[in-house]
PDB file of all heavy atoms in Angstrom:
ATOM      1  N   LYS A   1     -59.802  30.465-130.409  1.00  0.00           N
ATOM      2  CA  LYS A   1     -60.845  29.756-131.156  1.00  0.00           C
ATOM      3  C   LYS A   1     -62.237  30.220-130.734  1.00  0.00           C
ATOM      4  O   LYS A   1     -63.111  30.461-131.581  1.00  0.00           O
ATOM      5  CB  LYS A   1     -60.706  28.247-130.950  1.00  0.00           C
ATOM      6  CG  LYS A   1     -61.740  27.429-131.707  1.00  0.00           C
ATOM      7  CD  LYS A   1     -61.506  25.934-131.500  1.00  0.00           C
ATOM      8  CE  LYS A   1     -62.586  25.105-132.194  1.00  0.00           C
ATOM      9  NZ  LYS A   1     -62.352  23.651-132.001  1.00  0.00           N
ATOM     10  N   ASP A   2     -62.431  30.377-129.425  1.00  0.00           N
ATOM     11  CA  ASP A   2     -63.746  30.793-128.921  1.00  0.00           C
ATOM     12  C   ASP A   2     -64.107  32.196-129.404  1.00  0.00           C
ATOM     13  O   ASP A   2     -65.257  32.454-129.776  1.00  0.00           O
ATOM     14  CB  ASP A   2     -63.752  30.758-127.387  1.00  0.00           C
ATOM     15  CG  ASP A   2     -63.702  29.344-126.828  1.00  0.00           C
ATOM     16  OD1 ASP A   2     -63.974  28.394-127.599  1.00  0.00           O
ATOM     17  OD2 ASP A   2     -63.399  29.198-125.624  1.00  0.00           O
ATOM     18  N   ILE A   3     -63.136  33.106-129.385  1.00  0.00           N
ATOM     19  CA  ILE A   3     -63.399  34.492-129.820  1.00  0.00           C
ATOM     20  C   ILE A   3     -63.737  34.529-131.302  1.00  0.00           C
ATOM     21  O   ILE A   3     -64.722  35.150-131.712  1.00  0.00           O
ATOM     22  CB  ILE A   3     -62.181  35.397-129.524  1.00  0.00           C
ATOM     23  CG1 ILE A   3     -62.024  35.605-128.018  1.00  0.00           C
ATOM     24  CG2 ILE A   3     -62.325  36.738-130.230  1.00  0.00           C
ATOM     25  CD1 ILE A   3     -60.735  36.321-127.631  1.00  0.00           C
ATOM     26  N   VAL A   4     -62.924  33.860-132.113  1.00  0.00           N
ATOM     27  CA  VAL A   4     -63.153  33.868-133.560  1.00  0.00           C
ATOM     28  C   VAL A   4     -64.490  33.215-133.895  1.00  0.00           C
ATOM     29  O   VAL A   4     -65.244  33.711-134.746  1.00  0.00           O
ATOM     30  CB  VAL A   4     -62.003  33.162-134.302  1.00  0.00           C
ATOM     31  CG1 VAL A   4     -62.290  33.115-135.801  1.00  0.00           C
ATOM     32  CG2 VAL A   4     -60.683  33.870-134.045  1.00  0.00           C
ATOM     33  N   LYS A   5     -64.804  32.130-133.216  1.00  0.00           N
ATOM     34  CA  LYS A   5     -66.076  31.443-133.465  1.00  0.00           C
ATOM     35  C   LYS A   5     -67.255  32.343-133.111  1.00  0.00           C
ATOM     36  O   LYS A   5     -68.226  32.447-133.873  1.00  0.00           O
ATOM     37  CB  LYS A   5     -66.139  30.154-132.650  1.00  0.00           C
ATOM     38  CG  LYS A   5     -67.392  29.319-132.906  1.00  0.00           C
ATOM     39  CD  LYS A   5     -67.337  28.004-132.142  1.00  0.00           C
ATOM     40  CE  LYS A   5     -68.595  27.165-132.422  1.00  0.00           C
ATOM     41  NZ  LYS A   5     -68.551  25.873-131.679  1.00  0.00           N
ATOM     42  N   ALA A   6     -67.170  33.002-131.962  1.00  0.00           N
ATOM     43  CA  ALA A   6     -68.267  33.872-131.531  1.00  0.00           C
ATOM     44  C   ALA A   6     -68.476  35.022-132.511  1.00  0.00           C
ATOM     45  O   ALA A   6     -69.620  35.336-132.885  1.00  0.00           O
ATOM     46  CB  ALA A   6     -67.966  34.414-130.133  1.00  0.00           C
ATOM     47  N   VAL A   7     -67.392  35.637-132.945  1.00  0.00           N
ATOM     48  CA  VAL A   7     -67.507  36.758-133.874  1.00  0.00           C
ATOM     49  C   VAL A   7     -67.993  36.276-135.236  1.00  0.00           C
ATOM     50  O   VAL A   7     -68.862  36.893-135.861  1.00  0.00           O
ATOM     51  CB  VAL A   7     -66.157  37.504-133.999  1.00  0.00           C
ATOM     52  CG1 VAL A   7     -66.229  38.571-135.085  1.00  0.00           C
ATOM     53  CG2 VAL A   7     -65.759  38.127-132.665  1.00  0.00           C
ATOM     54  N   SER A   8     -67.456  35.154-135.703  1.00  0.00           N
ATOM     55  CA  SER A   8     -67.845  34.620-137.013  1.00  0.00           C
ATOM     56  C   SER A   8     -69.332  34.293-137.073  1.00  0.00           C
ATOM     57  O   SER A   8     -69.984  34.499-138.106  1.00  0.00           O
ATOM     58  CB  SER A   8     -67.026  33.362-137.332  1.00  0.00           C
ATOM     59  OG  SER A   8     -65.664  33.664-137.467  1.00  0.00           O
ATOM     60  N   GLN A   9     -69.850  33.793-135.970  1.00  0.00           N
ATOM     61  CA  GLN A   9     -71.272  33.439-135.938  1.00  0.00           C
ATOM     62  C   GLN A   9     -72.172  34.659-135.791  1.00  0.00           C
ATOM     63  O   GLN A   9     -73.366  34.589-136.092  1.00  0.00           O
ATOM     64  CB  GLN A   9     -71.530  32.454-134.792  1.00  0.00           C
ATOM     65  CG  GLN A   9     -70.897  31.090-135.019  1.00  0.00           C
ATOM     66  CD  GLN A   9     -71.116  30.121-133.868  1.00  0.00           C
ATOM     67  OE1 GLN A   9     -71.478  30.525-132.755  1.00  0.00           O
ATOM     68  NE2 GLN A   9     -70.896  28.834-134.119  1.00  0.00           N
ATOM     69  N   ALA A  10     -71.579  35.775-135.364  1.00  0.00           N
ATOM     70  CA  ALA A  10     -72.380  36.981-135.110  1.00  0.00           C
ATOM     71  C   ALA A  10     -72.505  37.888-136.323  1.00  0.00           C
ATOM     72  O   ALA A  10     -73.400  38.739-136.363  1.00  0.00           O
ATOM     73  CB  ALA A  10     -71.782  37.759-133.944  1.00  0.00           C
ATOM     74  N   VAL A  11     -71.621  37.724-137.301  1.00  0.00           N
ATOM     75  CA  VAL A  11     -71.617  38.628-138.454  1.00  0.00           C
ATOM     76  C   VAL A  11     -71.770  37.855-139.753  1.00  0.00           C
ATOM     77  O   VAL A  11     -71.540  36.636-139.803  1.00  0.00           O
ATOM     78  CB  VAL A  11     -70.318  39.469-138.496  1.00  0.00           C
ATOM     79  CG1 VAL A  11     -70.165  40.289-137.218  1.00  0.00           C
ATOM     80  CG2 VAL A  11     -69.092  38.586-138.699  1.00  0.00           C
ATOM     81  N   ASP A  12     -72.139  38.576-140.802  1.00  0.00           N
ATOM     82  CA  ASP A  12     -72.330  37.931-142.104  1.00  0.00           C
ATOM     83  C   ASP A  12     -71.261  38.347-143.107  1.00  0.00           C
ATOM     84  O   ASP A  12     -71.485  38.303-144.320  1.00  0.00           O
ATOM     85  CB  ASP A  12     -73.726  38.223-142.648  1.00  0.00           C
ATOM     86  CG  ASP A  12     -74.014  39.716-142.763  1.00  0.00           C
ATOM     87  OD1 ASP A  12     -73.101  40.525-142.457  1.00  0.00           O
ATOM     88  OD2 ASP A  12     -75.136  40.086-143.157  1.00  0.00           O
ATOM     89  N   VAL A  13     -70.112  38.774-142.591  1.00  0.00           N
ATOM     90  CA  VAL A  13     -68.973  39.107-143.442  1.00  0.00           C
ATOM     91  C   VAL A  13     -67.782  38.270-142.974  1.00  0.00           C
ATOM     92  O   VAL A  13     -67.806  37.707-141.880  1.00  0.00           O
ATOM     93  CB  VAL A  13     -68.620  40.616-143.363  1.00  0.00           C
ATOM     94  CG1 VAL A  13     -69.769  41.457-143.899  1.00  0.00           C
ATOM     95  CG2 VAL A  13     -68.253  41.018-141.945  1.00  0.00           C
ATOM     96  N   PRO A  14     -66.728  38.167-143.790  1.00  0.00           N
ATOM     97  CA  PRO A  14     -65.558  37.385-143.374  1.00  0.00           C
ATOM     98  C   PRO A  14     -64.917  37.959-142.105  1.00  0.00           C
ATOM     99  O   PRO A  14     -64.930  39.170-141.877  1.00  0.00           O
ATOM    100  CB  PRO A  14     -64.603  37.498-144.573  1.00  0.00           C
ATOM    101  CG  PRO A  14     -65.473  37.870-145.729  1.00  0.00           C
ATOM    102  CD  PRO A  14     -66.579  38.688-145.170  1.00  0.00           C
ATOM    103  N   VAL A  15     -64.331  37.069-141.321  1.00  0.00           N
ATOM    104  CA  VAL A  15     -63.586  37.460-140.120  1.00  0.00           C
ATOM    105  C   VAL A  15     -62.131  37.060-140.317  1.00  0.00           C
ATOM    106  O   VAL A  15     -61.830  35.918-140.685  1.00  0.00           O
ATOM    107  CB  VAL A  15     -64.161  36.778-138.862  1.00  0.00           C
ATOM    108  CG1 VAL A  15     -63.276  37.069-137.645  1.00  0.00           C
ATOM    109  CG2 VAL A  15     -65.583  37.246-138.606  1.00  0.00           C
ATOM    110  N   THR A  16     -61.239  38.005-140.110  1.00  0.00           N
ATOM    111  CA  THR A  16     -59.808  37.729-140.217  1.00  0.00           C
ATOM    112  C   THR A  16     -59.149  37.951-138.860  1.00  0.00           C
ATOM    113  O   THR A  16     -59.729  38.578-137.970  1.00  0.00           O
ATOM    114  CB  THR A  16     -59.144  38.633-141.269  1.00  0.00           C
ATOM    115  OG1 THR A  16     -59.315  40.007-140.884  1.00  0.00           O
ATOM    116  CG2 THR A  16     -59.771  38.418-142.638  1.00  0.00           C
ATOM    117  N   VAL A  17     -57.933  37.443-138.720  1.00  0.00           N
ATOM    118  CA  VAL A  17     -57.221  37.552-137.444  1.00  0.00           C
ATOM    119  C   VAL A  17     -55.799  38.013-137.713  1.00  0.00           C
ATOM    120  O   VAL A  17     -55.132  37.493-138.610  1.00  0.00           O
ATOM    121  CB  VAL A  17     -57.207  36.201-136.696  1.00  0.00           C
ATOM    122  CG1 VAL A  17     -56.525  36.352-135.340  1.00  0.00           C
ATOM    123  CG2 VAL A  17     -58.621  35.670-136.511  1.00  0.00           C
ATOM    124  N   LYS A  18     -55.338  38.988-136.948  1.00  0.00           N
ATOM    125  CA  LYS A  18     -53.949  39.474-137.038  1.00  0.00           C
ATOM    126  C   LYS A  18     -53.186  38.938-135.834  1.00  0.00           C
ATOM    127  O   LYS A  18     -53.546  39.202-134.685  1.00  0.00           O
ATOM    128  CB  LYS A  18     -53.940  41.003-137.043  1.00  0.00           C
ATOM    129  CG  LYS A  18     -52.539  41.642-137.025  1.00  0.00           C
ATOM    130  CD  LYS A  18     -51.947  41.711-138.413  1.00  0.00           C
ATOM    131  CE  LYS A  18     -50.536  42.285-138.385  1.00  0.00           C
ATOM    132  NZ  LYS A  18     -50.466  43.683-137.934  1.00  0.00           N
ATOM    133  N   ILE A  19     -52.121  38.169-136.092  1.00  0.00           N
ATOM    134  CA  ILE A  19     -51.345  37.565-135.020  1.00  0.00           C
ATOM    135  C   ILE A  19     -49.861  37.901-135.193  1.00  0.00           C
ATOM    136  O   ILE A  19     -49.468  38.525-136.171  1.00  0.00           O
ATOM    137  CB  ILE A  19     -51.534  36.034-134.969  1.00  0.00           C
ATOM    138  CG1 ILE A  19     -50.926  35.377-136.222  1.00  0.00           C
ATOM    139  CG2 ILE A  19     -53.005  35.676-134.831  1.00  0.00           C
ATOM    140  CD1 ILE A  19     -50.937  33.850-136.187  1.00  0.00           C
ATOM    141  N   ARG A  20     -49.068  37.473-134.224  1.00  0.00           N
ATOM    142  CA  ARG A  20     -47.608  37.574-134.301  1.00  0.00           C
ATOM    143  C   ARG A  20     -47.006  36.177-134.351  1.00  0.00           C
ATOM    144  O   ARG A  20     -47.720  35.173-134.284  1.00  0.00           O
ATOM    145  CB  ARG A  20     -47.066  38.356-133.105  1.00  0.00           C
ATOM    146  CG  ARG A  20     -47.268  39.858-133.258  1.00  0.00           C
ATOM    147  CD  ARG A  20     -46.627  40.638-132.136  1.00  0.00           C
ATOM    148  NE  ARG A  20     -46.622  42.061-132.467  1.00  0.00           N
ATOM    149  CZ  ARG A  20     -45.547  42.797-132.673  1.00  0.00           C
ATOM    150  NH1 ARG A  20     -44.341  42.261-132.548  1.00  0.00           N
ATOM    151  NH2 ARG A  20     -45.639  44.071-132.983  1.00  0.00           N
ATOM    152  N   SER A  21     -45.680  36.127-134.464  1.00  0.00           N
ATOM    153  CA  SER A  21     -44.995  34.824-134.495  1.00  0.00           C
ATOM    154  C   SER A  21     -45.254  34.041-133.213  1.00  0.00           C
ATOM    155  O   SER A  21     -45.344  32.814-133.223  1.00  0.00           O
ATOM    156  CB  SER A  21     -43.481  35.019-134.654  1.00  0.00           C
ATOM    157  OG  SER A  21     -43.188  35.622-135.881  1.00  0.00           O
ATOM    158  N   GLY A  22     -45.352  34.775-132.127  1.00  0.00           N
ATOM    159  CA  GLY A  22     -45.562  34.174-130.816  1.00  0.00           C
ATOM    160  C   GLY A  22     -45.400  35.261-129.776  1.00  0.00           C
ATOM    161  O   GLY A  22     -45.233  36.435-130.107  1.00  0.00           O
ATOM    162  N   PHE A  23     -45.445  34.870-128.521  1.00  0.00           N
ATOM    163  CA  PHE A  23     -45.300  35.874-127.479  1.00  0.00           C
ATOM    164  C   PHE A  23     -43.833  36.213-127.234  1.00  0.00           C
ATOM    165  O   PHE A  23     -43.472  37.355-127.013  1.00  0.00           O
ATOM    166  CB  PHE A  23     -45.952  35.407-126.176  1.00  0.00           C
ATOM    167  CG  PHE A  23     -46.183  36.528-125.205  1.00  0.00           C
ATOM    168  CD1 PHE A  23     -47.280  37.366-125.325  1.00  0.00           C
ATOM    169  CD2 PHE A  23     -45.277  36.761-124.180  1.00  0.00           C
ATOM    170  CE1 PHE A  23     -47.480  38.426-124.443  1.00  0.00           C
ATOM    171  CE2 PHE A  23     -45.460  37.815-123.289  1.00  0.00           C
ATOM    172  CZ  PHE A  23     -46.555  38.652-123.417  1.00  0.00           C
ATOM    173  N   SER A  24     -42.988  35.211-127.275  1.00  0.00           N
ATOM    174  CA  SER A  24     -41.551  35.411-127.057  1.00  0.00           C
ATOM    175  C   SER A  24     -40.791  34.374-127.871  1.00  0.00           C
ATOM    176  O   SER A  24     -41.384  33.493-128.505  1.00  0.00           O
ATOM    177  CB  SER A  24     -41.208  35.276-125.562  1.00  0.00           C
ATOM    178  OG  SER A  24     -41.555  33.989-125.091  1.00  0.00           O
ATOM    179  N   ASP A  25     -39.470  34.476-127.854  1.00  0.00           N
ATOM    180  CA  ASP A  25     -38.649  33.571-128.657  1.00  0.00           C
ATOM    181  C   ASP A  25     -38.843  32.106-128.290  1.00  0.00           C
ATOM    182  O   ASP A  25     -38.668  31.223-129.132  1.00  0.00           O
ATOM    183  CB  ASP A  25     -37.162  33.934-128.514  1.00  0.00           C
ATOM    184  CG  ASP A  25     -36.814  35.217-129.262  1.00  0.00           C
ATOM    185  OD1 ASP A  25     -37.617  35.624-130.137  1.00  0.00           O
ATOM    186  OD2 ASP A  25     -35.763  35.816-128.976  1.00  0.00           O
ATOM    187  N   ASP A  26     -39.175  31.832-127.038  1.00  0.00           N
ATOM    188  CA  ASP A  26     -39.385  30.444-126.626  1.00  0.00           C
ATOM    189  C   ASP A  26     -40.865  30.049-126.679  1.00  0.00           C
ATOM    190  O   ASP A  26     -41.257  29.002-126.171  1.00  0.00           O
ATOM    191  CB  ASP A  26     -38.809  30.190-125.224  1.00  0.00           C
ATOM    192  CG  ASP A  26     -39.424  31.095-124.166  1.00  0.00           C
ATOM    193  OD1 ASP A  26     -40.220  31.983-124.528  1.00  0.00           O
ATOM    194  OD2 ASP A  26     -39.088  30.907-122.977  1.00  0.00           O
ATOM    195  N   GLN A  27     -41.682  30.925-127.307  1.00  0.00           N
ATOM    196  CA  GLN A  27     -43.109  30.625-127.461  1.00  0.00           C
ATOM    197  C   GLN A  27     -43.565  30.953-128.886  1.00  0.00           C
ATOM    198  O   GLN A  27     -44.515  31.681-129.096  1.00  0.00           O
ATOM    199  CB  GLN A  27     -43.937  31.434-126.454  1.00  0.00           C
ATOM    200  CG  GLN A  27     -43.706  31.062-125.000  1.00  0.00           C
ATOM    201  CD  GLN A  27     -44.470  31.989-124.061  1.00  0.00           C
ATOM    202  OE1 GLN A  27     -44.226  33.189-124.032  1.00  0.00           O
ATOM    203  NE2 GLN A  27     -45.390  31.440-123.296  1.00  0.00           N
ATOM    204  N   ILE A  28     -42.857  30.429-129.867  1.00  0.00           N
ATOM    205  CA  ILE A  28     -43.218  30.653-131.275  1.00  0.00           C
ATOM    206  C   ILE A  28     -44.332  29.668-131.634  1.00  0.00           C
ATOM    207  O   ILE A  28     -44.084  28.493-131.920  1.00  0.00           O
ATOM    208  CB  ILE A  28     -42.002  30.453-132.208  1.00  0.00           C
ATOM    209  CG1 ILE A  28     -40.840  31.345-131.783  1.00  0.00           C
ATOM    210  CG2 ILE A  28     -42.406  30.734-133.651  1.00  0.00           C
ATOM    211  CD1 ILE A  28     -41.086  32.817-131.945  1.00  0.00           C
ATOM    212  N   ASN A  29     -45.557  30.144-131.611  1.00  0.00           N
ATOM    213  CA  ASN A  29     -46.700  29.235-131.802  1.00  0.00           C
ATOM    214  C   ASN A  29     -47.721  29.764-132.807  1.00  0.00           C
ATOM    215  O   ASN A  29     -48.908  29.426-132.751  1.00  0.00           O
ATOM    216  CB  ASN A  29     -47.391  28.968-130.467  1.00  0.00           C
ATOM    217  CG  ASN A  29     -48.030  30.231-129.868  1.00  0.00           C
ATOM    218  OD1 ASN A  29     -47.648  31.337-130.217  1.00  0.00           O
ATOM    219  ND2 ASN A  29     -48.988  30.050-128.976  1.00  0.00           N
ATOM    220  N   ALA A  30     -47.273  30.595-133.743  1.00  0.00           N
ATOM    221  CA  ALA A  30     -48.195  31.147-134.738  1.00  0.00           C
ATOM    222  C   ALA A  30     -48.974  30.066-135.496  1.00  0.00           C
ATOM    223  O   ALA A  30     -50.179  30.233-135.718  1.00  0.00           O
ATOM    224  CB  ALA A  30     -47.441  32.047-135.713  1.00  0.00           C
ATOM    225  N   PRO A  31     -48.336  28.951-135.898  1.00  0.00           N
ATOM    226  CA  PRO A  31     -49.121  27.913-136.582  1.00  0.00           C
ATOM    227  C   PRO A  31     -50.272  27.379-135.728  1.00  0.00           C
ATOM    228  O   PRO A  31     -51.393  27.193-136.231  1.00  0.00           O
ATOM    229  CB  PRO A  31     -48.089  26.819-136.869  1.00  0.00           C
ATOM    230  CG  PRO A  31     -46.792  27.555-136.963  1.00  0.00           C
ATOM    231  CD  PRO A  31     -46.887  28.629-135.928  1.00  0.00           C
TER     232      PRO A  31
END
């Protein structure tokens, strides 16, 4: 959240994020 907020406030174009399902099978936290 902090990274996206900092970048979003620094630029005047849309900011998107590329993520994975999670780090491992027991850490599925993409939502």
